[in-house]
N, C-alpha and C. Protein backbone atom coordinates (compact mmCIF):
# COMPACT_ATOMS: atom_id res chain seq x y z
N UNK A 1 -9.30 13.80 32.78
CA UNK A 1 -10.53 13.91 32.01
C UNK A 1 -10.26 14.76 30.76
N UNK A 2 -10.90 14.41 29.69
CA UNK A 2 -10.76 15.12 28.43
C UNK A 2 -11.18 16.58 28.59
N UNK A 3 -10.37 17.49 28.04
CA UNK A 3 -10.73 18.91 28.02
C UNK A 3 -11.57 19.16 26.78
N UNK A 4 -12.70 19.83 26.94
CA UNK A 4 -13.60 20.13 25.83
C UNK A 4 -13.67 21.64 25.63
N UNK A 5 -13.46 22.09 24.40
CA UNK A 5 -13.53 23.52 24.09
C UNK A 5 -14.39 23.72 22.85
N UNK A 6 -15.20 24.75 22.89
CA UNK A 6 -15.99 25.16 21.73
C UNK A 6 -15.43 26.48 21.22
N UNK A 7 -15.11 26.52 19.93
CA UNK A 7 -14.62 27.73 19.28
C UNK A 7 -15.77 28.25 18.41
N UNK A 8 -16.45 29.30 18.90
CA UNK A 8 -17.64 29.83 18.25
C UNK A 8 -17.32 30.93 17.24
N UNK A 9 -18.22 31.10 16.30
CA UNK A 9 -18.21 32.22 15.35
C UNK A 9 -17.07 32.17 14.33
N UNK A 10 -16.77 30.97 13.87
CA UNK A 10 -15.76 30.83 12.80
C UNK A 10 -16.39 31.28 11.48
N UNK A 11 -15.84 32.32 10.84
CA UNK A 11 -16.41 32.79 9.58
C UNK A 11 -16.29 31.74 8.47
N UNK A 12 -15.20 30.97 8.49
CA UNK A 12 -14.97 29.89 7.53
C UNK A 12 -14.40 28.73 8.35
N UNK A 13 -15.24 27.74 8.65
CA UNK A 13 -14.84 26.66 9.55
C UNK A 13 -13.59 25.93 9.07
N UNK A 14 -13.53 25.59 7.80
CA UNK A 14 -12.40 24.80 7.32
C UNK A 14 -11.10 25.61 7.34
N UNK A 15 -11.17 26.88 6.97
CA UNK A 15 -9.98 27.73 7.05
C UNK A 15 -9.51 27.85 8.50
N UNK A 16 -10.46 27.98 9.41
CA UNK A 16 -10.11 28.07 10.82
C UNK A 16 -9.46 26.77 11.30
N UNK A 17 -10.01 25.63 10.88
CA UNK A 17 -9.44 24.34 11.28
C UNK A 17 -8.02 24.20 10.73
N UNK A 18 -7.77 24.67 9.52
CA UNK A 18 -6.41 24.64 8.98
C UNK A 18 -5.45 25.38 9.91
N UNK A 19 -5.83 26.57 10.35
CA UNK A 19 -4.97 27.35 11.25
C UNK A 19 -4.82 26.66 12.61
N UNK A 20 -5.93 26.13 13.11
CA UNK A 20 -5.92 25.45 14.40
C UNK A 20 -5.00 24.22 14.38
N UNK A 21 -5.11 23.43 13.32
CA UNK A 21 -4.29 22.23 13.18
C UNK A 21 -2.82 22.62 13.03
N UNK A 22 -2.56 23.63 12.22
CA UNK A 22 -1.18 24.10 12.04
C UNK A 22 -0.58 24.50 13.38
N UNK A 23 -1.31 25.27 14.16
CA UNK A 23 -0.82 25.72 15.46
C UNK A 23 -0.59 24.54 16.40
N UNK A 24 -1.54 23.62 16.45
CA UNK A 24 -1.41 22.46 17.34
C UNK A 24 -0.21 21.59 16.98
N UNK A 25 -0.02 21.34 15.68
CA UNK A 25 1.10 20.49 15.28
C UNK A 25 2.43 21.19 15.49
N UNK A 26 2.46 22.50 15.39
CA UNK A 26 3.71 23.22 15.68
C UNK A 26 4.06 23.15 17.17
N UNK A 27 3.07 22.81 17.98
CA UNK A 27 3.32 22.60 19.41
C UNK A 27 3.47 21.11 19.71
N UNK A 28 3.76 20.34 18.65
CA UNK A 28 4.00 18.89 18.73
C UNK A 28 2.79 18.07 19.15
N UNK A 29 1.59 18.59 18.99
CA UNK A 29 0.39 17.81 19.25
C UNK A 29 0.10 16.92 18.04
N UNK A 30 -0.43 15.76 18.32
CA UNK A 30 -0.87 14.85 17.26
C UNK A 30 -2.38 14.97 17.19
N UNK A 31 -2.89 15.33 16.02
CA UNK A 31 -4.27 15.78 15.86
C UNK A 31 -5.07 14.78 15.02
N UNK A 32 -6.31 14.61 15.41
CA UNK A 32 -7.30 13.88 14.61
C UNK A 32 -8.43 14.85 14.31
N UNK A 33 -8.86 14.88 13.05
CA UNK A 33 -10.04 15.66 12.67
C UNK A 33 -11.09 14.66 12.21
N UNK A 34 -12.29 14.80 12.74
CA UNK A 34 -13.37 13.90 12.37
C UNK A 34 -14.53 14.69 11.77
N UNK A 35 -15.26 14.03 10.89
CA UNK A 35 -16.41 14.63 10.21
C UNK A 35 -16.87 13.68 9.13
N UNK A 36 -17.80 14.15 8.31
CA UNK A 36 -18.27 13.30 7.21
C UNK A 36 -17.23 13.30 6.08
N UNK A 37 -17.35 12.33 5.19
CA UNK A 37 -16.35 12.13 4.13
C UNK A 37 -16.17 13.37 3.26
N UNK A 38 -17.25 14.03 2.89
CA UNK A 38 -17.15 15.21 2.02
C UNK A 38 -16.40 16.34 2.71
N UNK A 39 -16.72 16.59 3.96
CA UNK A 39 -16.04 17.65 4.71
C UNK A 39 -14.56 17.34 4.85
N UNK A 40 -14.22 16.10 5.14
CA UNK A 40 -12.81 15.72 5.29
C UNK A 40 -12.05 15.87 3.98
N UNK A 41 -12.69 15.54 2.86
CA UNK A 41 -12.03 15.71 1.56
C UNK A 41 -11.79 17.19 1.26
N UNK A 42 -12.76 18.03 1.60
CA UNK A 42 -12.59 19.47 1.39
C UNK A 42 -11.47 20.02 2.28
N UNK A 43 -11.41 19.54 3.52
CA UNK A 43 -10.34 19.96 4.42
C UNK A 43 -8.99 19.47 3.91
N UNK A 44 -8.93 18.26 3.42
CA UNK A 44 -7.70 17.71 2.85
C UNK A 44 -7.18 18.62 1.74
N UNK A 45 -8.07 19.02 0.84
CA UNK A 45 -7.67 19.92 -0.26
C UNK A 45 -7.17 21.26 0.27
N UNK A 46 -7.84 21.80 1.29
CA UNK A 46 -7.40 23.09 1.84
C UNK A 46 -6.05 22.96 2.54
N UNK A 47 -5.83 21.85 3.23
CA UNK A 47 -4.53 21.67 3.88
C UNK A 47 -3.41 21.57 2.85
N UNK A 48 -3.68 20.89 1.72
CA UNK A 48 -2.66 20.80 0.67
C UNK A 48 -2.42 22.14 -0.01
N UNK A 49 -3.40 23.03 0.05
CA UNK A 49 -3.27 24.34 -0.62
C UNK A 49 -2.57 25.39 0.25
N UNK A 50 -2.24 25.04 1.50
CA UNK A 50 -1.55 25.99 2.36
C UNK A 50 -0.18 26.32 1.77
N UNK A 51 0.32 27.48 2.11
CA UNK A 51 1.67 27.88 1.67
C UNK A 51 2.68 26.87 2.20
N UNK A 52 3.79 26.67 1.48
CA UNK A 52 4.80 25.71 1.94
C UNK A 52 5.27 25.95 3.37
N UNK A 53 5.35 27.20 3.78
CA UNK A 53 5.79 27.50 5.15
C UNK A 53 4.74 27.11 6.20
N UNK A 54 3.51 26.88 5.76
CA UNK A 54 2.42 26.50 6.66
C UNK A 54 2.06 25.02 6.56
N UNK A 55 2.89 24.23 5.88
CA UNK A 55 2.59 22.83 5.61
C UNK A 55 2.22 22.08 6.88
N UNK A 56 1.18 21.25 6.79
CA UNK A 56 0.75 20.37 7.86
C UNK A 56 0.79 18.95 7.31
N UNK A 57 1.66 18.12 7.88
CA UNK A 57 1.71 16.72 7.47
C UNK A 57 0.43 16.03 7.88
N UNK A 58 -0.32 15.53 6.91
CA UNK A 58 -1.61 14.92 7.22
C UNK A 58 -1.93 13.82 6.22
N UNK A 59 -2.94 13.04 6.56
CA UNK A 59 -3.43 12.02 5.64
C UNK A 59 -4.88 11.70 5.98
N UNK A 60 -5.55 11.09 5.03
CA UNK A 60 -6.90 10.59 5.26
C UNK A 60 -6.81 9.25 5.98
N UNK A 61 -7.88 8.87 6.63
CA UNK A 61 -7.89 7.67 7.44
C UNK A 61 -7.69 6.37 6.71
N UNK A 62 -7.83 6.38 5.38
CA UNK A 62 -7.65 5.14 4.62
C UNK A 62 -6.20 4.96 4.14
N UNK A 63 -5.28 5.77 4.62
CA UNK A 63 -3.87 5.67 4.24
C UNK A 63 -3.26 4.40 4.85
N UNK A 64 -2.11 4.01 4.30
CA UNK A 64 -1.37 2.87 4.85
C UNK A 64 -1.04 3.12 6.32
N UNK A 65 -0.93 2.05 7.08
CA UNK A 65 -0.66 2.13 8.52
C UNK A 65 0.60 2.95 8.82
N UNK A 66 1.62 2.77 8.04
CA UNK A 66 2.88 3.51 8.26
C UNK A 66 2.67 5.02 8.09
N UNK A 67 1.91 5.40 7.08
CA UNK A 67 1.63 6.82 6.84
C UNK A 67 0.76 7.38 7.96
N UNK A 68 -0.22 6.61 8.41
CA UNK A 68 -1.07 7.05 9.53
C UNK A 68 -0.23 7.35 10.77
N UNK A 69 0.69 6.45 11.09
CA UNK A 69 1.52 6.65 12.29
C UNK A 69 2.47 7.83 12.13
N UNK A 70 2.92 8.10 10.90
CA UNK A 70 3.88 9.19 10.66
C UNK A 70 3.22 10.56 10.55
N UNK A 71 1.92 10.61 10.33
CA UNK A 71 1.23 11.88 10.08
C UNK A 71 0.86 12.57 11.39
N UNK A 72 1.19 13.85 11.47
CA UNK A 72 0.84 14.61 12.67
C UNK A 72 -0.65 14.87 12.76
N UNK A 73 -1.33 14.80 11.60
CA UNK A 73 -2.78 15.04 11.56
C UNK A 73 -3.42 13.96 10.70
N UNK A 74 -4.47 13.36 11.23
CA UNK A 74 -5.21 12.31 10.53
C UNK A 74 -6.66 12.75 10.42
N UNK A 75 -7.23 12.62 9.21
CA UNK A 75 -8.62 12.98 8.94
C UNK A 75 -9.42 11.70 8.81
N UNK A 76 -10.34 11.45 9.75
CA UNK A 76 -11.08 10.19 9.78
C UNK A 76 -12.55 10.42 10.11
N UNK A 77 -13.39 9.54 9.59
CA UNK A 77 -14.80 9.60 9.93
C UNK A 77 -15.05 9.02 11.32
N UNK A 78 -14.27 8.01 11.71
CA UNK A 78 -14.40 7.39 13.03
C UNK A 78 -13.14 7.67 13.83
N UNK A 79 -13.18 8.58 14.80
CA UNK A 79 -11.97 8.95 15.53
C UNK A 79 -11.37 7.81 16.34
N UNK A 80 -12.11 6.75 16.56
CA UNK A 80 -11.56 5.60 17.30
C UNK A 80 -10.49 4.89 16.49
N UNK A 81 -10.43 5.13 15.18
CA UNK A 81 -9.46 4.44 14.32
C UNK A 81 -8.16 5.21 14.15
N UNK A 82 -8.07 6.41 14.67
CA UNK A 82 -6.86 7.23 14.51
C UNK A 82 -5.81 6.87 15.56
N UNK A 83 -4.53 6.83 15.15
CA UNK A 83 -3.47 6.60 16.13
C UNK A 83 -3.15 7.85 16.96
N UNK A 84 -3.59 9.02 16.51
CA UNK A 84 -3.30 10.30 17.19
C UNK A 84 -4.33 10.54 18.28
N UNK A 85 -3.86 10.82 19.50
CA UNK A 85 -4.79 10.96 20.62
C UNK A 85 -4.65 12.25 21.42
N UNK A 86 -3.87 13.22 20.90
CA UNK A 86 -3.72 14.46 21.66
C UNK A 86 -4.95 15.36 21.52
N UNK A 87 -5.27 15.74 20.29
CA UNK A 87 -6.36 16.68 20.03
C UNK A 87 -7.32 16.07 19.02
N UNK A 88 -8.61 16.14 19.32
CA UNK A 88 -9.66 15.72 18.39
C UNK A 88 -10.46 16.96 18.00
N UNK A 89 -10.47 17.28 16.71
CA UNK A 89 -11.27 18.39 16.20
C UNK A 89 -12.51 17.77 15.56
N UNK A 90 -13.67 18.13 16.08
CA UNK A 90 -14.91 17.55 15.58
C UNK A 90 -15.60 18.49 14.60
N UNK A 91 -15.71 18.04 13.35
CA UNK A 91 -16.49 18.76 12.35
C UNK A 91 -17.81 18.04 12.07
N UNK A 92 -18.11 17.05 12.88
CA UNK A 92 -19.34 16.29 12.72
C UNK A 92 -20.51 16.96 13.43
N UNK A 93 -21.67 16.33 13.29
CA UNK A 93 -22.90 16.89 13.85
C UNK A 93 -23.27 16.35 15.22
N UNK A 94 -22.57 15.31 15.67
CA UNK A 94 -22.90 14.67 16.95
C UNK A 94 -21.62 14.51 17.76
N UNK A 95 -21.78 14.13 19.03
CA UNK A 95 -20.61 13.83 19.85
C UNK A 95 -19.84 12.71 19.16
N UNK A 96 -18.55 12.87 18.95
CA UNK A 96 -17.79 11.84 18.26
C UNK A 96 -17.59 10.60 19.14
N UNK A 97 -17.73 9.44 18.53
CA UNK A 97 -17.51 8.18 19.24
C UNK A 97 -16.07 8.15 19.75
N UNK A 98 -15.88 7.73 20.99
CA UNK A 98 -14.55 7.57 21.54
C UNK A 98 -13.84 8.86 21.89
N UNK A 99 -14.56 9.98 21.97
CA UNK A 99 -13.89 11.27 22.22
C UNK A 99 -13.14 11.27 23.55
N UNK A 100 -13.58 10.48 24.52
CA UNK A 100 -12.95 10.47 25.84
C UNK A 100 -11.55 9.86 25.81
N UNK A 101 -11.15 9.25 24.69
CA UNK A 101 -9.80 8.70 24.55
C UNK A 101 -8.78 9.80 24.25
N UNK A 102 -9.25 11.02 23.99
CA UNK A 102 -8.39 12.14 23.60
C UNK A 102 -8.12 13.05 24.79
N UNK A 103 -6.96 13.70 24.77
CA UNK A 103 -6.64 14.67 25.82
C UNK A 103 -7.53 15.91 25.70
N UNK A 104 -7.77 16.35 24.44
CA UNK A 104 -8.57 17.55 24.19
C UNK A 104 -9.53 17.31 23.03
N UNK A 105 -10.70 17.90 23.12
CA UNK A 105 -11.67 17.92 22.03
C UNK A 105 -11.96 19.38 21.71
N UNK A 106 -11.91 19.72 20.42
CA UNK A 106 -12.24 21.07 19.99
C UNK A 106 -13.42 20.98 19.03
N UNK A 107 -14.45 21.69 19.34
CA UNK A 107 -15.64 21.81 18.50
C UNK A 107 -15.59 23.18 17.83
N UNK A 108 -15.63 23.22 16.51
CA UNK A 108 -15.59 24.48 15.77
C UNK A 108 -17.00 24.76 15.26
N UNK A 109 -17.49 25.97 15.55
CA UNK A 109 -18.87 26.34 15.26
C UNK A 109 -18.91 27.54 14.32
N UNK A 110 -19.72 27.43 13.29
CA UNK A 110 -19.86 28.47 12.28
C UNK A 110 -20.43 29.77 12.86
N UNK A 111 -20.04 30.85 12.23
CA UNK A 111 -20.57 32.16 12.61
C UNK A 111 -21.98 32.36 12.06
N UNK A 112 -22.24 31.90 10.83
CA UNK A 112 -23.48 32.26 10.15
C UNK A 112 -24.45 31.10 9.92
N UNK A 113 -24.00 29.87 10.00
CA UNK A 113 -24.85 28.71 9.70
C UNK A 113 -25.67 28.34 10.94
N UNK A 114 -26.94 28.70 10.92
CA UNK A 114 -27.80 28.49 12.09
C UNK A 114 -27.99 27.01 12.41
N UNK A 115 -28.06 26.15 11.39
CA UNK A 115 -28.17 24.71 11.65
C UNK A 115 -26.93 24.21 12.39
N UNK A 116 -25.77 24.65 11.96
CA UNK A 116 -24.52 24.26 12.62
C UNK A 116 -24.51 24.74 14.06
N UNK A 117 -24.97 25.95 14.28
CA UNK A 117 -25.00 26.50 15.64
C UNK A 117 -25.98 25.71 16.52
N UNK A 118 -27.11 25.32 15.96
CA UNK A 118 -28.09 24.54 16.71
C UNK A 118 -27.52 23.18 17.10
N UNK A 119 -26.86 22.52 16.14
CA UNK A 119 -26.26 21.21 16.44
C UNK A 119 -25.14 21.36 17.47
N UNK A 120 -24.40 22.47 17.43
CA UNK A 120 -23.35 22.71 18.41
C UNK A 120 -23.94 22.85 19.82
N UNK A 121 -25.06 23.53 19.92
CA UNK A 121 -25.72 23.65 21.24
C UNK A 121 -26.12 22.28 21.76
N UNK A 122 -26.57 21.39 20.86
CA UNK A 122 -26.93 20.02 21.27
C UNK A 122 -25.70 19.25 21.75
N UNK A 123 -24.57 19.42 21.04
CA UNK A 123 -23.33 18.75 21.47
C UNK A 123 -22.87 19.31 22.82
N UNK A 124 -22.98 20.63 22.99
CA UNK A 124 -22.62 21.26 24.27
C UNK A 124 -23.41 20.59 25.40
N UNK A 125 -24.74 20.50 25.20
CA UNK A 125 -25.58 19.88 26.23
C UNK A 125 -25.17 18.43 26.48
N UNK A 126 -24.76 17.72 25.42
CA UNK A 126 -24.32 16.33 25.55
C UNK A 126 -23.07 16.21 26.40
N UNK A 127 -22.07 17.06 26.14
CA UNK A 127 -20.85 17.03 26.95
C UNK A 127 -21.18 17.40 28.40
N UNK A 128 -21.99 18.45 28.58
CA UNK A 128 -22.34 18.89 29.93
C UNK A 128 -23.08 17.79 30.69
N UNK A 129 -23.97 17.08 30.01
CA UNK A 129 -24.72 16.00 30.66
C UNK A 129 -23.80 14.86 31.11
N UNK A 130 -22.67 14.72 30.42
CA UNK A 130 -21.69 13.69 30.78
C UNK A 130 -20.71 14.17 31.85
N UNK A 131 -20.87 15.43 32.29
CA UNK A 131 -20.06 15.96 33.37
C UNK A 131 -18.80 16.69 32.94
N UNK A 132 -18.67 17.00 31.67
CA UNK A 132 -17.48 17.71 31.20
C UNK A 132 -17.63 19.21 31.41
N UNK A 133 -16.56 19.83 31.90
CA UNK A 133 -16.48 21.29 31.94
C UNK A 133 -16.10 21.74 30.54
N UNK A 134 -16.74 22.78 30.05
CA UNK A 134 -16.53 23.23 28.68
C UNK A 134 -15.95 24.63 28.68
N UNK A 135 -14.91 24.81 27.88
CA UNK A 135 -14.30 26.12 27.70
C UNK A 135 -14.86 26.72 26.42
N UNK A 136 -15.25 27.98 26.51
CA UNK A 136 -15.86 28.68 25.37
C UNK A 136 -14.88 29.72 24.84
N UNK A 137 -14.61 29.66 23.53
CA UNK A 137 -13.78 30.66 22.85
C UNK A 137 -14.63 31.33 21.79
N UNK A 138 -14.94 32.60 21.98
CA UNK A 138 -15.70 33.36 20.99
C UNK A 138 -14.71 34.02 20.06
N UNK A 139 -14.64 33.56 18.83
CA UNK A 139 -13.64 34.05 17.89
C UNK A 139 -13.88 35.50 17.48
N UNK A 140 -15.11 35.97 17.51
CA UNK A 140 -15.40 37.36 17.18
C UNK A 140 -14.85 38.27 18.29
N UNK A 141 -15.10 37.91 19.54
CA UNK A 141 -14.58 38.70 20.66
C UNK A 141 -13.06 38.67 20.67
N UNK A 142 -12.49 37.52 20.35
CA UNK A 142 -11.03 37.38 20.34
C UNK A 142 -10.41 38.30 19.29
N UNK A 143 -11.02 38.36 18.10
CA UNK A 143 -10.51 39.21 17.02
C UNK A 143 -10.63 40.69 17.37
N UNK A 144 -11.75 41.08 17.98
CA UNK A 144 -11.95 42.49 18.29
C UNK A 144 -11.05 42.94 19.45
N UNK A 145 -10.66 42.00 20.30
CA UNK A 145 -9.77 42.34 21.42
C UNK A 145 -8.32 42.43 20.97
N UNK A 146 -7.99 41.76 19.84
CA UNK A 146 -6.58 41.71 19.43
C UNK A 146 -6.30 42.71 18.43
């Protein structure tokens, strides 16, 4: 069964996703990030702006098939279209279509955006209603403990 985790209290969601994706790909995971087109374009720009030592091979979902297969991270609006099935990072507002095809789903939740937090609670209830056990990572507690 797909593992579902919520990472709460991200001060900057896209910066956090950059770090999360970098860490996952360094562990040889193949990652898909899903969200709306504007969010994915902003994430694409942030991934390209990482330091050379932090480079994450990635592409948008409209890339050629060969590039999609070669990319460790794919940014798509519809996660069912990605060839990568290890980790799905959801930046969308609803449960992503086809999420059960992935080994892991990570939901990243803003620290300050109350609308984002409200939608995250709705997604949590959605996963729970489908019988998924959910792991909670509070990024504020994690930072203060480290």
